[in-house]
C-alpha atoms as a PDB file:
ATOM      1  CA  MET A   1      73.054 -59.382  33.497  1.00  0.00           C
ATOM      2  CA  PRO A   2      74.085 -59.168  29.845  1.00  0.00           C
ATOM      3  CA  LYS A   3      76.050 -56.125  28.785  1.00  0.00           C
ATOM      4  CA  VAL A   4      74.412 -53.774  26.351  1.00  0.00           C
ATOM      5  CA  ALA A   5      76.550 -53.226  23.287  1.00  0.00           C
ATOM      6  CA  LEU A   6      77.114 -49.563  22.602  1.00  0.00           C
ATOM      7  CA  LYS A   7      76.111 -48.473  19.170  1.00  0.00           C
ATOM      8  CA  LYS A   8      78.724 -46.409  17.359  1.00  0.00           C
ATOM      9  CA  GLU A   9      77.467 -43.303  15.665  1.00  0.00           C
ATOM     10  CA  LYS A  10      78.657 -42.608  12.161  1.00  0.00           C
ATOM     11  CA  TRP A  11      78.698 -39.024  11.040  1.00  0.00           C
ATOM     12  CA  THR A  12      78.913 -37.878   7.503  1.00  0.00           C
ATOM     13  CA  LEU A  13      80.087 -34.386   6.770  1.00  0.00           C
ATOM     14  CA  SER A  14      79.679 -32.848   3.378  1.00  0.00           C
ATOM     15  CA  PHE A  15      81.423 -29.645   2.462  1.00  0.00           C
ATOM     16  CA  ASP A  16      83.209 -27.865  -0.345  1.00  0.00           C
ATOM     17  CA  PRO A  17      85.308 -30.284  -2.435  1.00  0.00           C
ATOM     18  CA  ARG A  18      88.213 -27.777  -2.503  1.00  0.00           C
ATOM     19  CA  LEU A  19      88.211 -27.652   1.288  1.00  0.00           C
ATOM     20  CA  LYS A  20      88.044 -31.439   1.442  1.00  0.00           C
ATOM     21  CA  ALA A  21      91.038 -31.674  -0.898  1.00  0.00           C
ATOM     22  CA  ALA A  22      92.969 -29.212   1.271  1.00  0.00           C
ATOM     23  CA  VAL A  23      92.214 -31.241   4.415  1.00  0.00           C
ATOM     24  CA  ILE A  24      93.313 -34.466   2.738  1.00  0.00           C
ATOM     25  CA  ARG A  25      96.482 -32.862   1.368  1.00  0.00           C
ATOM     26  CA  GLU A  26      97.452 -31.404   4.764  1.00  0.00           C
ATOM     27  CA  SER A  27      96.705 -34.670   6.548  1.00  0.00           C
ATOM     28  CA  LYS A  28      99.042 -36.474   4.130  1.00  0.00           C
ATOM     29  CA  VAL A  29     101.760 -33.906   4.817  1.00  0.00           C
ATOM     30  CA  ARG A  30     101.370 -34.439   8.566  1.00  0.00           C
ATOM     31  CA  GLY A  31     101.107 -38.200   8.177  1.00  0.00           C
ATOM     32  CA  VAL A  32      97.753 -38.556   9.942  1.00  0.00           C
ATOM     33  CA  TYR A  33      94.265 -39.577   8.906  1.00  0.00           C
ATOM     34  CA  PRO A  34      92.016 -36.741   7.702  1.00  0.00           C
ATOM     35  CA  VAL A  35      89.664 -37.383  10.626  1.00  0.00           C
ATOM     36  CA  ASN A  36      92.509 -36.917  13.108  1.00  0.00           C
ATOM     37  CA  PHE A  37      93.529 -33.712  11.367  1.00  0.00           C
ATOM     38  CA  LEU A  38      89.964 -32.377  11.607  1.00  0.00           C
ATOM     39  CA  GLU A  39      89.856 -33.317  15.308  1.00  0.00           C
ATOM     40  CA  GLU A  40      93.063 -31.362  15.886  1.00  0.00           C
ATOM     41  CA  LEU A  41      91.595 -28.334  14.116  1.00  0.00           C
ATOM     42  CA  VAL A  42      88.457 -28.433  16.234  1.00  0.00           C
ATOM     43  CA  LYS A  43      90.452 -28.861  19.454  1.00  0.00           C
ATOM     44  CA  GLU A  44      92.659 -25.895  18.550  1.00  0.00           C
ATOM     45  CA  LYS A  45      89.595 -23.763  17.805  1.00  0.00           C
ATOM     46  CA  PHE A  46      87.748 -24.556  21.031  1.00  0.00           C
ATOM     47  CA  ASN A  47      90.731 -24.756  23.392  1.00  0.00           C
ATOM     48  CA  PRO A  48      91.167 -21.321  25.029  1.00  0.00           C
ATOM     49  CA  TYR A  49      94.609 -22.344  26.299  1.00  0.00           C
ATOM     50  CA  GLY A  50      96.131 -23.592  23.042  1.00  0.00           C
ATOM     51  CA  HIS A  51      99.635 -23.688  24.428  1.00  0.00           C
ATOM     52  CA  THR A  52      98.771 -26.416  26.950  1.00  0.00           C
ATOM     53  CA  ASP A  53      98.612 -29.197  24.402  1.00  0.00           C
ATOM     54  CA  VAL A  54     101.308 -28.178  21.954  1.00  0.00           C
ATOM     55  CA  LYS A  55     102.613 -31.270  20.205  1.00  0.00           C
ATOM     56  CA  ASP A  56     105.712 -29.756  18.625  1.00  0.00           C
ATOM     57  CA  SER A  57     107.167 -27.132  20.955  1.00  0.00           C
ATOM     58  CA  VAL A  58     109.966 -26.136  18.578  1.00  0.00           C
ATOM     59  CA  LYS A  59     107.487 -25.388  15.807  1.00  0.00           C
ATOM     60  CA  TYR A  60     105.273 -23.464  18.244  1.00  0.00           C
ATOM     61  CA  VAL A  61     108.154 -21.252  19.384  1.00  0.00           C
ATOM     62  CA  ARG A  62     109.222 -20.652  15.784  1.00  0.00           C
ATOM     63  CA  GLU A  63     105.702 -19.515  14.921  1.00  0.00           C
ATOM     64  CA  LEU A  64     105.667 -17.195  17.931  1.00  0.00           C
ATOM     65  CA  ARG A  65     109.052 -15.888  16.915  1.00  0.00           C
ATOM     66  CA  LYS A  66     107.902 -15.170  13.350  1.00  0.00           C
ATOM     67  CA  LYS A  67     105.001 -13.122  14.709  1.00  0.00           C
ATOM     68  CA  SER A  68     107.379 -10.893  16.653  1.00  0.00           C
ATOM     69  CA  LYS A  69     110.111 -10.214  14.100  1.00  0.00           C
ATOM     70  CA  ASP A  70     110.560  -6.626  15.267  1.00  0.00           C
ATOM     71  CA  LYS A  71     111.746  -7.772  18.728  1.00  0.00           C
ATOM     72  CA  SER A  72     115.301  -8.830  19.394  1.00  0.00           C
ATOM     73  CA  ASP A  73     116.044 -12.289  20.748  1.00  0.00           C
ATOM     74  CA  GLU A  74     116.880 -10.816  24.161  1.00  0.00           C
ATOM     75  CA  LYS A  75     113.523  -8.998  24.398  1.00  0.00           C
ATOM     76  CA  PHE A  76     111.715 -12.159  23.316  1.00  0.00           C
ATOM     77  CA  LEU A  77     113.455 -14.229  26.012  1.00  0.00           C
ATOM     78  CA  GLU A  78     112.749 -11.548  28.627  1.00  0.00           C
ATOM     79  CA  GLU A  79     109.053 -11.699  27.729  1.00  0.00           C
ATOM     80  CA  ILE A  80     109.057 -15.477  28.137  1.00  0.00           C
ATOM     81  CA  LEU A  81     110.716 -15.173  31.541  1.00  0.00           C
ATOM     82  CA  LYS A  82     108.019 -12.665  32.598  1.00  0.00           C
ATOM     83  CA  TRP A  83     105.302 -15.175  31.619  1.00  0.00           C
ATOM     84  CA  LYS A  84     107.095 -17.851  33.581  1.00  0.00           C
ATOM     85  CA  LYS A  85     106.880 -15.834  36.806  1.00  0.00           C
END
């Protein structure tokens, strides 16, 4: 039996040119295609457990650390150890 060739769907999104420029600029900074950057954004938005697919763990911890500036390093590490248990 001959195989049926799958037809690729092409999607076209149109949105605010300023937003498009921001997506393109950020994708250049990260060194990825704009489509890949948009996919990452969507995955982050719909993934309830965002920490499971962290690509850059150092950056992730730094962001967490910035959010909790009022805590000392010892308290921050204690909190992480509690999560680990």
